[in-house]
Protein backbone atom coordinates (compact mmCIF):
# COMPACT_ATOMS: atom_id res chain seq x y z
CA UNK A 1 104.33 -31.40 8.37
CA UNK A 2 100.95 -33.10 8.04
CA UNK A 3 99.25 -29.77 7.30
CA UNK A 4 101.94 -28.82 4.78
CA UNK A 5 101.62 -32.18 3.02
CA UNK A 6 97.82 -31.84 2.84
CA UNK A 7 98.21 -28.34 1.47
CA UNK A 8 100.71 -29.49 -1.19
CA UNK A 9 98.42 -32.31 -2.33
CA UNK A 10 95.41 -30.00 -2.54
CA UNK A 11 97.39 -27.40 -4.51
CA UNK A 12 98.51 -30.09 -6.95
CA UNK A 13 94.96 -31.33 -7.48
CA UNK A 14 93.69 -27.77 -7.91
CA UNK A 15 96.42 -27.03 -10.45
CA UNK A 16 95.58 -30.16 -12.44
CA UNK A 17 91.85 -29.39 -12.40
CA UNK A 18 92.31 -25.78 -13.48
CA UNK A 19 94.08 -26.95 -16.63
CA UNK A 20 90.69 -28.22 -17.78
CA UNK A 21 87.88 -26.01 -19.11
CA UNK A 22 85.20 -25.21 -16.53
CA UNK A 23 82.58 -27.56 -17.97
CA UNK A 24 85.00 -30.50 -18.06
CA UNK A 25 86.32 -29.68 -14.60
CA UNK A 26 82.78 -29.73 -13.18
CA UNK A 27 82.21 -33.10 -14.85
CA UNK A 28 85.34 -34.40 -13.12
CA UNK A 29 83.97 -33.09 -9.83
CA UNK A 30 80.73 -34.94 -10.48
CA UNK A 31 82.66 -38.13 -11.17
CA UNK A 32 84.69 -37.73 -7.96
CA UNK A 33 81.45 -37.23 -6.03
CA UNK A 34 80.04 -40.49 -7.40
CA UNK A 35 83.27 -42.33 -6.57
CA UNK A 36 83.18 -40.89 -3.04
CA UNK A 37 79.66 -42.28 -2.58
CA UNK A 38 80.73 -45.80 -3.42
CA UNK A 39 84.00 -45.92 -1.45
CA UNK A 40 82.90 -44.09 1.73
CA UNK A 41 80.65 -46.73 3.28
CA UNK A 42 80.36 -45.07 6.70
CA UNK A 43 79.16 -41.70 5.47
CA UNK A 44 77.02 -43.32 2.79
CA UNK A 45 75.14 -45.20 5.52
CA UNK A 46 74.79 -41.98 7.54
CA UNK A 47 73.41 -40.13 4.52
CA UNK A 48 70.79 -42.80 3.84
CA UNK A 49 69.88 -42.95 7.55
CA UNK A 50 69.29 -39.18 7.53
CA UNK A 51 67.09 -39.48 4.44
CA UNK A 52 65.09 -42.28 6.05
CA UNK A 53 64.64 -40.14 9.16
CA UNK A 54 63.42 -37.21 7.05
CA UNK A 55 61.13 -39.06 4.65
CA UNK A 56 60.08 -42.15 6.58
CA UNK A 57 57.87 -44.30 4.34
CA UNK A 58 57.12 -41.45 1.93
CA UNK A 59 59.93 -42.62 -0.37
CA UNK A 60 61.26 -46.08 -1.16
CA UNK A 61 64.78 -47.13 -0.21
CA UNK A 62 65.67 -47.08 -3.90
CA UNK A 63 64.49 -43.47 -4.20
CA UNK A 64 66.43 -42.45 -1.10
CA UNK A 65 69.61 -44.06 -2.41
CA UNK A 66 69.19 -42.16 -5.67
CA UNK A 67 68.88 -38.88 -3.75
CA UNK A 68 71.99 -39.82 -1.74
CA UNK A 69 74.01 -40.55 -4.89
CA UNK A 70 72.93 -37.29 -6.46
CA UNK A 71 73.76 -35.40 -3.26
CA UNK A 72 77.33 -36.72 -3.38
CA UNK A 73 77.49 -35.84 -7.07
CA UNK A 74 76.23 -32.31 -6.36
CA UNK A 75 78.86 -31.76 -3.66
CA UNK A 76 81.60 -32.94 -6.02
CA UNK A 77 80.41 -30.49 -8.65
CA UNK A 78 80.28 -27.67 -6.10
CA UNK A 79 83.83 -28.43 -4.99
CA UNK A 80 85.08 -28.22 -8.58
CA UNK A 81 83.10 -25.03 -9.31
CA UNK A 82 84.50 -23.37 -6.19
CA UNK A 83 88.04 -23.96 -7.47
CA UNK A 84 87.27 -22.03 -10.65
CA UNK A 85 85.11 -19.37 -8.98
CA UNK A 86 87.80 -16.79 -8.05
CA UNK A 87 88.93 -16.69 -11.70
CA UNK A 88 85.48 -16.16 -13.20
CA UNK A 89 84.77 -12.58 -14.25
CA UNK A 90 81.70 -10.77 -12.99
CA UNK A 91 80.27 -10.72 -16.51
CA UNK A 92 80.68 -14.51 -16.66
CA UNK A 93 78.91 -14.82 -13.31
CA UNK A 94 76.00 -12.73 -14.60
CA UNK A 95 75.54 -15.17 -17.49
CA UNK A 96 76.15 -18.30 -15.39
CA UNK A 97 73.86 -17.40 -12.46
CA UNK A 98 70.27 -16.38 -13.05
CA UNK A 99 68.71 -14.40 -10.20
CA UNK A 100 65.05 -14.42 -9.19
CA UNK A 101 63.82 -11.72 -6.83
CA UNK A 102 66.76 -9.32 -6.70
CA UNK A 103 64.22 -6.54 -6.09
CA UNK A 104 63.36 -8.14 -2.73
CA UNK A 105 66.95 -7.65 -1.60
CA UNK A 106 67.04 -4.06 -2.89
CA UNK A 107 63.82 -3.21 -1.02
CA UNK A 108 65.16 -4.80 2.17
CA UNK A 109 68.31 -2.69 1.93
CA UNK A 110 66.23 0.47 1.67
CA UNK A 111 64.95 -0.07 5.21
CA UNK A 112 68.36 1.13 6.41
CA UNK A 113 68.91 -1.53 9.07
CA UNK A 114 71.22 -3.82 7.17
CA UNK A 115 70.14 -7.21 5.82
CA UNK A 116 70.38 -10.69 7.32
CA UNK A 117 70.68 -13.29 4.57
CA UNK A 118 69.29 -16.69 5.50
CA UNK A 119 70.67 -19.58 3.47
CA UNK A 120 71.69 -23.24 3.63
CA UNK A 121 74.09 -25.84 2.24
CA UNK A 122 71.91 -26.19 -0.84
CA UNK A 123 73.19 -26.14 -4.41
CA UNK A 124 76.53 -24.34 -4.52
CA UNK A 125 76.15 -21.83 -1.70
CA UNK A 126 79.72 -20.58 -2.22
CA UNK A 127 78.53 -18.76 -5.36
CA UNK A 128 76.12 -16.50 -3.44
CA UNK A 129 78.63 -13.73 -2.50
CA UNK A 130 80.00 -13.45 -6.04
CA UNK A 131 76.53 -13.47 -7.56
CA UNK A 132 75.64 -10.48 -5.37
CA UNK A 133 78.97 -8.83 -6.19
CA UNK A 134 78.25 -9.20 -9.90
CA UNK A 135 75.28 -6.91 -9.28
CA UNK A 136 77.31 -4.42 -7.20
CA UNK A 137 76.30 -5.72 -3.75
CA UNK A 138 78.82 -6.90 -1.17
CA UNK A 139 77.89 -9.31 1.60
CA UNK A 140 79.63 -10.74 4.66
CA UNK A 141 79.42 -14.36 5.71
CA UNK A 142 80.21 -16.42 8.79
CA UNK A 143 82.43 -19.45 8.19
CA UNK A 144 84.05 -22.13 10.33
CA UNK A 145 87.86 -21.91 10.05
CA UNK A 146 89.46 -25.04 8.61
CA UNK A 147 91.70 -27.08 10.90
CA UNK A 148 94.60 -26.84 8.44
CA UNK A 149 95.89 -23.23 8.69
CA UNK A 150 97.37 -23.28 5.16
CA UNK A 151 94.10 -24.46 3.61
CA UNK A 152 92.19 -22.02 5.80
CA UNK A 153 94.22 -19.06 4.51
CA UNK A 154 93.66 -20.22 0.94
CA UNK A 155 89.90 -20.60 1.46
CA UNK A 156 89.70 -17.16 3.11
CA UNK A 157 91.62 -15.59 0.21
CA UNK A 158 89.32 -17.23 -2.34
CA UNK A 159 86.19 -16.05 -0.55
CA UNK A 160 87.52 -12.51 -0.36
CA UNK A 161 88.31 -12.68 -4.10
CA UNK A 162 84.66 -13.64 -4.58
CA UNK A 163 83.58 -10.39 -2.94
CA UNK A 164 82.77 -11.81 0.49
CA UNK A 165 83.66 -10.24 3.81
CA UNK A 166 84.79 -13.21 5.91
CA UNK A 167 83.69 -13.49 9.54
CA UNK A 168 84.91 -16.48 11.52
CA UNK A 169 82.18 -18.57 13.11
CA UNK A 170 82.08 -17.48 16.73
CA UNK A 171 82.24 -13.78 15.86
CA UNK A 172 80.55 -11.92 18.69
CA UNK A 173 77.08 -10.50 18.31
CA UNK A 174 78.23 -6.90 18.85
CA UNK A 175 80.54 -6.97 15.83
CA UNK A 176 77.78 -8.26 13.56
CA UNK A 177 75.28 -5.77 14.96
CA UNK A 178 77.75 -3.00 14.11
CA UNK A 179 77.89 -4.19 10.49
CA UNK A 180 74.09 -4.26 10.31
CA UNK A 181 73.84 -0.74 11.77
CA UNK A 182 76.22 0.37 9.02
CA UNK A 183 73.79 -1.00 6.43
CA UNK A 184 75.82 -4.10 5.57
CA UNK A 185 74.45 -7.55 4.67
CA UNK A 186 75.50 -10.59 6.69
CA UNK A 187 74.74 -14.15 5.59
CA UNK A 188 74.20 -17.24 7.74
CA UNK A 189 73.97 -20.94 6.91
CA UNK A 190 71.34 -22.04 9.41
CA UNK A 191 70.99 -25.72 8.54
CA UNK A 192 73.67 -27.28 10.74
CA UNK A 193 73.56 -29.05 14.07
CA UNK A 194 74.42 -26.89 17.09
CA UNK A 195 75.45 -27.63 20.68
CA UNK A 196 72.59 -27.54 23.17
CA UNK A 197 73.73 -24.39 24.98
CA UNK A 198 73.42 -22.34 21.77
CA UNK A 199 70.40 -24.14 20.38
CA UNK A 200 66.73 -23.63 19.84
CA UNK A 201 65.11 -27.03 19.33
CA UNK A 202 62.66 -26.73 16.45
CA UNK A 203 61.05 -29.06 13.95
CA UNK A 204 63.01 -30.03 10.85
CA UNK A 205 61.51 -32.75 8.66
CA UNK A 206 59.33 -33.90 11.54
CA UNK A 207 62.10 -34.21 14.14
CA UNK A 208 63.47 -31.86 16.79
CA UNK A 209 66.76 -30.34 15.60
CA UNK A 210 69.18 -28.19 17.56
CA UNK A 211 69.38 -24.91 15.60
CA UNK A 212 71.55 -21.90 16.40
CA UNK A 213 69.47 -19.13 17.94
CA UNK A 214 71.96 -16.37 17.05
CA UNK A 215 70.23 -15.34 13.81
CA UNK A 216 66.95 -14.80 15.65
CA UNK A 217 68.74 -12.82 18.37
CA UNK A 218 70.36 -10.58 15.76
CA UNK A 219 67.10 -10.05 13.88
CA UNK A 220 65.21 -9.11 17.05
CA UNK A 221 67.93 -6.77 18.33
CA UNK A 222 68.72 -5.02 15.07
CA UNK A 223 65.37 -4.96 13.33
CA UNK A 224 67.22 -6.00 10.16
CA UNK A 225 65.03 -7.81 7.63
CA UNK A 226 65.76 -11.52 7.18
CA UNK A 227 65.93 -12.33 3.46
CA UNK A 228 65.99 -16.01 2.37
CA UNK A 229 68.49 -16.68 -0.44
CA UNK A 230 68.99 -20.16 -1.91
CA UNK A 231 70.99 -21.63 -4.77
CA UNK A 232 69.77 -24.24 -7.24
CA UNK A 233 71.91 -25.97 -9.84
CA UNK A 234 70.34 -26.15 -13.29
CA UNK A 235 71.40 -27.71 -16.58
CA UNK A 236 72.73 -24.42 -17.94
CA UNK A 237 74.25 -23.06 -14.73
CA UNK A 238 72.74 -21.86 -11.46
CA UNK A 239 69.70 -20.02 -10.19
CA UNK A 240 69.79 -17.83 -7.09
CA UNK A 241 66.36 -17.42 -5.54
CA UNK A 242 65.80 -14.36 -3.32
CA UNK A 243 62.54 -14.23 -1.38
CA UNK A 244 60.69 -11.43 0.37
CA UNK A 245 61.83 -10.69 3.93
CA UNK A 246 60.33 -13.06 6.46
CA UNK A 247 57.70 -11.67 8.81
CA UNK A 248 56.60 -12.98 12.21
CA UNK A 249 54.67 -11.65 15.19
CA UNK A 250 56.82 -10.29 18.01
CA UNK A 251 55.27 -10.86 21.43
CA UNK A 252 57.87 -9.13 23.60
CA UNK A 253 58.87 -12.39 25.26
CA UNK A 254 62.54 -12.97 24.40
CA UNK A 255 62.29 -16.76 24.65
CA UNK A 256 59.05 -17.06 22.67
CA UNK A 257 60.18 -14.67 19.94
CA UNK A 258 63.48 -16.51 19.45
CA UNK A 259 61.67 -19.84 19.15
CA UNK A 260 59.06 -18.41 16.76
CA UNK A 261 61.66 -16.78 14.51
CA UNK A 262 63.97 -19.80 14.46
CA UNK A 263 61.04 -22.09 13.66
CA UNK A 264 60.13 -19.87 10.71
CA UNK A 265 63.74 -19.78 9.47
CA UNK A 266 64.06 -23.56 9.71
CA UNK A 267 60.76 -24.23 7.95
CA UNK A 268 61.83 -21.89 5.14
CA UNK A 269 65.03 -23.90 4.70
CA UNK A 270 63.11 -27.18 4.84
CA UNK A 271 60.75 -26.04 2.08
CA UNK A 272 63.69 -25.41 -0.26
CA UNK A 273 65.41 -28.68 0.64
CA UNK A 274 62.17 -30.52 -0.18
CA UNK A 275 62.13 -28.93 -3.65
CA UNK A 276 65.69 -30.04 -4.43
CA UNK A 277 66.66 -32.76 -1.92
CA UNK A 278 69.44 -34.10 -4.16
CA UNK A 279 71.29 -30.79 -3.79
CA UNK A 280 71.37 -30.65 0.02
CA UNK A 281 74.15 -31.84 2.33
CA UNK A 282 72.50 -34.98 3.73
CA UNK A 283 75.85 -36.29 4.95
CA UNK A 284 75.71 -33.74 7.79
CA UNK A 285 74.42 -35.04 11.16
CA UNK A 286 71.64 -32.46 11.40
CA UNK A 287 69.81 -34.16 14.30
CA UNK A 288 72.90 -35.09 16.33
CA UNK A 289 72.31 -32.88 19.39
CA UNK A 290 69.47 -34.05 21.63
CA UNK A 291 67.71 -31.87 24.15
CA UNK A 292 68.38 -32.89 27.74
CA UNK A 293 65.40 -34.40 29.50
CA UNK A 294 63.34 -31.63 31.03
CA UNK A 295 65.42 -28.87 29.47
CA UNK A 296 63.61 -25.85 27.93
CA UNK A 297 63.50 -25.46 24.16
CA UNK A 298 65.87 -22.51 24.49
CA UNK A 299 67.89 -20.80 27.21
CA UNK A 300 67.38 -17.14 28.12
CA UNK A 301 70.92 -16.07 27.37
CA UNK A 302 72.85 -14.68 24.44
CA UNK A 303 75.47 -16.62 22.51
CA UNK A 304 78.10 -15.95 19.89
CA UNK A 305 77.16 -16.66 16.30
């Protein structure tokens, strides 16, 4: 009953929001994000603590609070945009989302080993699959199923309507490798905390952060190019930035190569977060998992994605 009630409330709110034009609906989302910042004291404190950890004395408390407020506002806008997204035509997406570096993705595809898309919770990441679809490319993405099964089915349906092949987080490596061998593109959000057994501990904003090693494992096994793709919200819409495939030296040591690759992936994400810190998900406890005393940076074993 609890799940059904939650689902009914969400459907009502979505229906009310969709009555509004897109621009007005996004403004409402922005307003809700600002309200959330002021009423959610616990997560507001966490967000500011994370910013202090990342920036230290480089920014004043006033500056960090401004970034925190804008981060909440950005997430509210993204939530509202995602509600409208399945109804937006591909021609509308082409006008709404400017793309830099699409040729990098095309060249990566030509290698014939599939493409691994590296991204993060920056800007409105939910737009990425539909932006690719608007240019005749289909990508798959790994997502964590929602606890509410009704909301989870709705979210899965929306993502599929946006041109995304949905893979539940925890999908085994062999299934994803099969997609890559078939020339498909698979995207990963690699900016979230991970349990120690699946982690590589690498530097993120000057502090050791548990980071999932699965993307590095896939890249090393498949030979698929890793293409960074990040979203940025702009005054007139969005910009999707596609970079050249990342390159790193492979030594033949499984442990060393996983650490090297994951470090590179994480530093790439950090560089984009630094450019637009107000659009990243600072509320997330990125540094939550701590490495056990004396434990290696990574374990020599495979793990599900």
